[in-house]
């Protein structure tokens, strides 16, 4: 049986970083929306 070649971790890291960025953006948007609703 041939062993499966391990994929480089760079792909996982980049996708993880993207998720972190999206999460931060979402939090910013939610905070922004809350700020608008509080002003009204």
N, C-alpha and C. Protein backbone atom coordinates (compact mmCIF):
# COMPACT_ATOMS: atom_id res chain seq x y z
N UNK A 1 0.85 -1.21 0.00
CA UNK A 1 0.00 0.00 0.00
C UNK A 1 0.88 1.26 0.00
N UNK A 2 0.54 2.17 -0.88
CA UNK A 2 1.30 3.42 -0.92
C UNK A 2 0.75 4.40 0.11
N UNK A 3 1.64 5.09 0.77
CA UNK A 3 1.20 6.08 1.75
C UNK A 3 0.72 7.34 1.04
N UNK A 4 -0.33 7.92 1.58
CA UNK A 4 -0.83 9.17 0.98
C UNK A 4 0.15 10.30 1.30
N UNK A 5 0.41 11.10 0.30
CA UNK A 5 1.31 12.24 0.52
C UNK A 5 0.59 13.30 1.34
N UNK A 6 1.29 13.81 2.33
CA UNK A 6 0.68 14.85 3.17
C UNK A 6 0.61 16.16 2.42
N UNK A 7 -0.54 16.80 2.48
CA UNK A 7 -0.68 18.09 1.81
C UNK A 7 0.03 19.17 2.63
N UNK A 8 0.60 20.14 1.98
CA UNK A 8 1.27 21.22 2.71
C UNK A 8 0.28 21.95 3.62
N UNK A 9 0.76 22.33 4.79
CA UNK A 9 -0.13 22.98 5.76
C UNK A 9 -0.45 24.41 5.36
N UNK A 10 0.22 24.92 4.33
CA UNK A 10 -0.02 26.31 3.92
C UNK A 10 -1.48 26.49 3.51
N UNK A 11 -2.06 25.49 2.84
CA UNK A 11 -3.44 25.60 2.39
C UNK A 11 -4.36 25.72 3.61
N UNK A 12 -4.11 24.87 4.61
CA UNK A 12 -4.95 24.92 5.81
C UNK A 12 -4.78 26.26 6.52
N UNK A 13 -3.55 26.72 6.61
CA UNK A 13 -3.28 27.97 7.32
C UNK A 13 -3.98 29.14 6.62
N UNK A 14 -3.89 29.19 5.30
CA UNK A 14 -4.49 30.31 4.56
C UNK A 14 -6.01 30.32 4.75
N UNK A 15 -6.63 29.14 4.68
CA UNK A 15 -8.08 29.08 4.84
C UNK A 15 -8.45 29.46 6.27
N UNK A 16 -7.61 29.05 7.23
CA UNK A 16 -7.88 29.38 8.63
C UNK A 16 -7.77 30.89 8.84
N UNK A 17 -6.75 31.48 8.24
CA UNK A 17 -6.58 32.93 8.35
C UNK A 17 -7.76 33.66 7.72
N UNK A 18 -8.23 33.14 6.59
CA UNK A 18 -9.37 33.76 5.92
C UNK A 18 -10.60 33.69 6.83
N UNK A 19 -10.79 32.56 7.49
CA UNK A 19 -11.94 32.41 8.40
C UNK A 19 -11.83 33.42 9.53
N UNK A 20 -10.61 33.57 10.07
CA UNK A 20 -10.42 34.54 11.15
C UNK A 20 -10.78 35.93 10.68
N UNK A 21 -10.33 36.27 9.46
CA UNK A 21 -10.59 37.60 8.90
C UNK A 21 -12.09 37.81 8.73
N UNK A 22 -12.78 36.79 8.19
CA UNK A 22 -14.22 36.89 7.98
C UNK A 22 -14.93 37.07 9.32
N UNK A 23 -14.46 36.33 10.33
CA UNK A 23 -15.08 36.42 11.65
C UNK A 23 -14.93 37.84 12.19
N UNK A 24 -13.74 38.42 12.04
CA UNK A 24 -13.50 39.79 12.51
C UNK A 24 -14.39 40.77 11.76
N UNK A 25 -14.49 40.58 10.43
CA UNK A 25 -15.33 41.48 9.62
C UNK A 25 -16.78 41.38 10.08
N UNK A 26 -17.25 40.16 10.34
CA UNK A 26 -18.64 39.97 10.78
C UNK A 26 -18.86 40.67 12.10
N UNK A 27 -17.90 40.53 13.02
CA UNK A 27 -18.04 41.18 14.33
C UNK A 27 -18.10 42.69 14.16
N UNK A 28 -17.27 43.23 13.25
CA UNK A 28 -17.27 44.67 13.01
C UNK A 28 -18.63 45.10 12.47
N UNK A 29 -19.17 44.34 11.53
CA UNK A 29 -20.46 44.67 10.93
C UNK A 29 -21.56 44.62 11.98
N UNK A 30 -21.54 43.59 12.82
CA UNK A 30 -22.55 43.46 13.87
C UNK A 30 -22.47 44.65 14.83
N UNK A 31 -21.25 45.01 15.23
CA UNK A 31 -21.06 46.15 16.13
C UNK A 31 -21.56 47.42 15.45
N UNK A 32 -21.30 47.55 14.15
CA UNK A 32 -21.74 48.71 13.39
C UNK A 32 -23.27 48.78 13.37
N UNK A 33 -23.90 47.62 13.11
CA UNK A 33 -25.36 47.57 13.08
C UNK A 33 -25.93 47.93 14.44
N UNK A 34 -25.33 47.43 15.52
CA UNK A 34 -25.81 47.73 16.87
C UNK A 34 -25.70 49.23 17.12
N UNK A 35 -24.58 49.81 16.68
CA UNK A 35 -24.38 51.25 16.86
C UNK A 35 -25.47 52.05 16.16
N UNK A 36 -25.85 51.64 14.96
CA UNK A 36 -26.90 52.34 14.21
C UNK A 36 -28.24 52.20 14.93
N UNK A 37 -28.56 50.98 15.38
CA UNK A 37 -29.84 50.76 16.04
C UNK A 37 -29.90 51.54 17.34
N UNK A 38 -28.77 51.71 18.01
CA UNK A 38 -28.77 52.46 19.27
C UNK A 38 -29.01 53.95 19.00
N UNK A 39 -28.48 54.44 17.89
CA UNK A 39 -28.64 55.87 17.56
C UNK A 39 -30.08 56.19 17.21
N UNK A 40 -30.78 55.25 16.59
CA UNK A 40 -32.16 55.53 16.15
C UNK A 40 -33.09 55.66 17.35
